[in-house]
Amino acid sequence: MAAGKIEFYSGYKSEEIPRLITISGTRHRVIEVTDRKRVLEGTSGDISEVFRCLLDDGRRVSLKRPAV
């Protein structure tokens, strides 16, 4: 996926969830986060967060970022 920018919302518990994503210059709202998990990268030992999201155009995408 060619994501230019992912914008997150931080709630009162400081849990950040994706709200907007830019794909090929077009902004899309994240309608729903259907899954969220932390993944241990086997080779580096780094921890990432993976979000499975439903976008406003009906697409389902996976977003990955380093864990906060």
N, C-alpha and C. Protein backbone atom coordinates (compact mmCIF):
# COMPACT_ATOMS: atom_id res chain seq x y z
N MET A 1 0.85 -1.18 0.00
CA MET A 1 0.00 0.00 0.00
C MET A 1 0.89 1.24 0.00
N ALA A 2 0.51 2.25 -0.75
CA ALA A 2 1.27 3.49 -0.82
C ALA A 2 0.65 4.52 0.11
N ALA A 3 0.92 4.40 1.38
CA ALA A 3 0.36 5.33 2.36
C ALA A 3 1.34 6.48 2.55
N GLY A 4 0.87 7.69 2.29
CA GLY A 4 1.72 8.84 2.47
C GLY A 4 1.74 9.32 3.91
N LYS A 5 0.58 9.23 4.56
CA LYS A 5 0.50 9.73 5.92
C LYS A 5 -0.65 9.04 6.64
N ILE A 6 -0.42 8.70 7.89
CA ILE A 6 -1.46 8.14 8.74
C ILE A 6 -1.62 9.07 9.93
N GLU A 7 -2.86 9.52 10.16
CA GLU A 7 -3.14 10.41 11.28
C GLU A 7 -3.84 9.62 12.38
N PHE A 8 -3.34 9.75 13.61
CA PHE A 8 -3.86 9.00 14.74
C PHE A 8 -4.62 9.91 15.68
N TYR A 9 -5.59 9.34 16.40
CA TYR A 9 -6.32 10.02 17.46
C TYR A 9 -5.89 9.40 18.78
N SER A 10 -5.58 10.24 19.75
CA SER A 10 -5.20 9.76 21.06
C SER A 10 -6.32 10.05 22.04
N GLY A 11 -6.89 9.02 22.63
CA GLY A 11 -7.99 9.18 23.59
C GLY A 11 -7.48 9.47 24.99
N TYR A 12 -8.38 9.47 25.94
CA TYR A 12 -8.03 9.82 27.31
C TYR A 12 -7.12 8.79 27.96
N LYS A 13 -7.08 7.58 27.42
CA LYS A 13 -6.18 6.56 27.95
C LYS A 13 -4.87 6.53 27.17
N SER A 14 -4.68 7.48 26.30
CA SER A 14 -3.51 7.61 25.45
C SER A 14 -3.33 6.45 24.50
N GLU A 15 -4.39 5.75 24.19
CA GLU A 15 -4.33 4.70 23.18
C GLU A 15 -4.57 5.34 21.82
N GLU A 16 -3.58 5.27 21.00
CA GLU A 16 -3.70 5.90 19.69
C GLU A 16 -4.30 4.92 18.69
N ILE A 17 -5.28 5.41 17.93
CA ILE A 17 -5.88 4.60 16.88
C ILE A 17 -5.91 5.43 15.60
N PRO A 18 -5.74 4.79 14.44
CA PRO A 18 -5.73 5.54 13.18
C PRO A 18 -7.11 6.11 12.86
N ARG A 19 -7.14 7.35 12.38
CA ARG A 19 -8.40 8.01 12.01
C ARG A 19 -8.45 8.41 10.55
N LEU A 20 -7.32 8.83 10.00
CA LEU A 20 -7.23 9.24 8.59
C LEU A 20 -5.99 8.63 7.97
N ILE A 21 -6.10 8.27 6.69
CA ILE A 21 -4.95 7.76 5.96
C ILE A 21 -4.95 8.38 4.57
N THR A 22 -3.77 8.74 4.10
CA THR A 22 -3.63 9.29 2.76
C THR A 22 -3.04 8.21 1.86
N ILE A 23 -3.78 7.89 0.78
CA ILE A 23 -3.33 6.90 -0.19
C ILE A 23 -3.32 7.57 -1.55
N SER A 24 -2.15 7.61 -2.17
CA SER A 24 -1.98 8.23 -3.49
C SER A 24 -2.56 9.63 -3.55
N GLY A 25 -2.35 10.41 -2.50
CA GLY A 25 -2.78 11.80 -2.46
C GLY A 25 -4.23 12.03 -2.05
N THR A 26 -4.99 10.97 -1.78
CA THR A 26 -6.39 11.10 -1.39
C THR A 26 -6.55 10.69 0.07
N ARG A 27 -7.21 11.55 0.85
CA ARG A 27 -7.44 11.25 2.27
C ARG A 27 -8.68 10.38 2.43
N HIS A 28 -8.58 9.38 3.29
CA HIS A 28 -9.69 8.48 3.58
C HIS A 28 -9.88 8.40 5.09
N ARG A 29 -11.13 8.39 5.52
CA ARG A 29 -11.44 8.21 6.94
C ARG A 29 -11.41 6.73 7.28
N VAL A 30 -10.91 6.43 8.47
CA VAL A 30 -10.99 5.07 8.99
C VAL A 30 -12.34 4.96 9.68
N ILE A 31 -13.21 4.13 9.13
CA ILE A 31 -14.55 3.95 9.67
C ILE A 31 -14.51 3.07 10.91
N GLU A 32 -13.68 2.02 10.86
CA GLU A 32 -13.64 1.06 11.97
C GLU A 32 -12.28 0.39 12.02
N VAL A 33 -11.76 0.20 13.22
CA VAL A 33 -10.58 -0.63 13.43
C VAL A 33 -11.12 -2.00 13.81
N THR A 34 -10.97 -2.97 12.91
CA THR A 34 -11.56 -4.29 13.14
C THR A 34 -10.64 -5.23 13.91
N ASP A 35 -9.34 -4.93 13.93
CA ASP A 35 -8.39 -5.75 14.67
C ASP A 35 -7.18 -4.92 15.00
N ARG A 36 -6.59 -5.22 16.15
CA ARG A 36 -5.38 -4.52 16.57
C ARG A 36 -4.53 -5.50 17.34
N LYS A 37 -3.25 -5.61 16.96
CA LYS A 37 -2.38 -6.53 17.68
C LYS A 37 -0.95 -6.02 17.67
N ARG A 38 -0.19 -6.51 18.64
CA ARG A 38 1.24 -6.22 18.70
C ARG A 38 1.98 -7.43 18.16
N VAL A 39 3.00 -7.16 17.36
CA VAL A 39 3.75 -8.22 16.70
C VAL A 39 5.22 -8.07 17.03
N LEU A 40 5.84 -9.16 17.44
CA LEU A 40 7.28 -9.18 17.69
C LEU A 40 7.99 -9.54 16.40
N GLU A 41 8.84 -8.63 15.93
CA GLU A 41 9.60 -8.89 14.70
C GLU A 41 10.73 -9.85 15.04
N GLY A 42 10.72 -11.02 14.42
CA GLY A 42 11.66 -12.09 14.76
C GLY A 42 13.12 -11.74 14.57
N THR A 43 13.46 -11.06 13.49
CA THR A 43 14.87 -10.81 13.20
C THR A 43 15.45 -9.67 14.02
N SER A 44 14.65 -8.62 14.24
CA SER A 44 15.19 -7.44 14.93
C SER A 44 14.81 -7.39 16.41
N GLY A 45 13.74 -8.08 16.79
CA GLY A 45 13.28 -8.02 18.18
C GLY A 45 12.42 -6.80 18.46
N ASP A 46 12.16 -5.98 17.44
CA ASP A 46 11.31 -4.80 17.61
C ASP A 46 9.85 -5.22 17.72
N ILE A 47 9.05 -4.38 18.38
CA ILE A 47 7.62 -4.63 18.51
C ILE A 47 6.88 -3.61 17.64
N SER A 48 5.95 -4.11 16.83
CA SER A 48 5.14 -3.25 15.97
C SER A 48 3.67 -3.42 16.34
N GLU A 49 2.85 -2.41 16.01
CA GLU A 49 1.41 -2.51 16.14
C GLU A 49 0.84 -2.63 14.74
N VAL A 50 -0.10 -3.57 14.56
CA VAL A 50 -0.76 -3.77 13.28
C VAL A 50 -2.25 -3.51 13.49
N PHE A 51 -2.80 -2.62 12.67
CA PHE A 51 -4.22 -2.28 12.72
C PHE A 51 -4.87 -2.77 11.44
N ARG A 52 -5.97 -3.50 11.54
CA ARG A 52 -6.78 -3.88 10.37
C ARG A 52 -7.95 -2.92 10.38
N CYS A 53 -8.13 -2.16 9.28
CA CYS A 53 -9.09 -1.06 9.26
C CYS A 53 -10.03 -1.13 8.06
N LEU A 54 -11.23 -0.62 8.26
CA LEU A 54 -12.21 -0.43 7.19
C LEU A 54 -12.22 1.05 6.85
N LEU A 55 -11.99 1.37 5.56
CA LEU A 55 -11.95 2.76 5.12
C LEU A 55 -13.31 3.21 4.60
N ASP A 56 -13.46 4.52 4.42
CA ASP A 56 -14.73 5.09 3.97
C ASP A 56 -15.12 4.69 2.55
N ASP A 57 -14.17 4.17 1.77
CA ASP A 57 -14.50 3.72 0.41
C ASP A 57 -14.76 2.22 0.34
N GLY A 58 -14.82 1.55 1.50
CA GLY A 58 -15.11 0.13 1.56
C GLY A 58 -13.90 -0.78 1.58
N ARG A 59 -12.72 -0.23 1.35
CA ARG A 59 -11.51 -1.04 1.37
C ARG A 59 -11.14 -1.44 2.79
N ARG A 60 -10.54 -2.60 2.92
CA ARG A 60 -9.97 -3.05 4.19
C ARG A 60 -8.45 -3.05 4.01
N VAL A 61 -7.76 -2.38 4.93
CA VAL A 61 -6.31 -2.26 4.83
C VAL A 61 -5.67 -2.63 6.16
N SER A 62 -4.39 -3.00 6.11
CA SER A 62 -3.60 -3.23 7.30
C SER A 62 -2.57 -2.12 7.40
N LEU A 63 -2.47 -1.54 8.59
CA LEU A 63 -1.50 -0.48 8.85
C LEU A 63 -0.53 -0.97 9.91
N LYS A 64 0.74 -0.73 9.69
CA LYS A 64 1.76 -1.20 10.63
C LYS A 64 2.63 -0.02 11.04
N ARG A 65 2.94 0.04 12.33
CA ARG A 65 3.83 1.09 12.82
C ARG A 65 4.57 0.59 14.04
N PRO A 66 5.70 1.20 14.39
CA PRO A 66 6.41 0.80 15.60
C PRO A 66 5.51 1.03 16.83
N ALA A 67 5.59 0.12 17.79
CA ALA A 67 4.78 0.24 19.00
C ALA A 67 5.21 1.46 19.80
N VAL A 68 4.23 2.11 20.40
CA VAL A 68 4.49 3.31 21.21
C VAL A 68 4.82 2.91 22.61
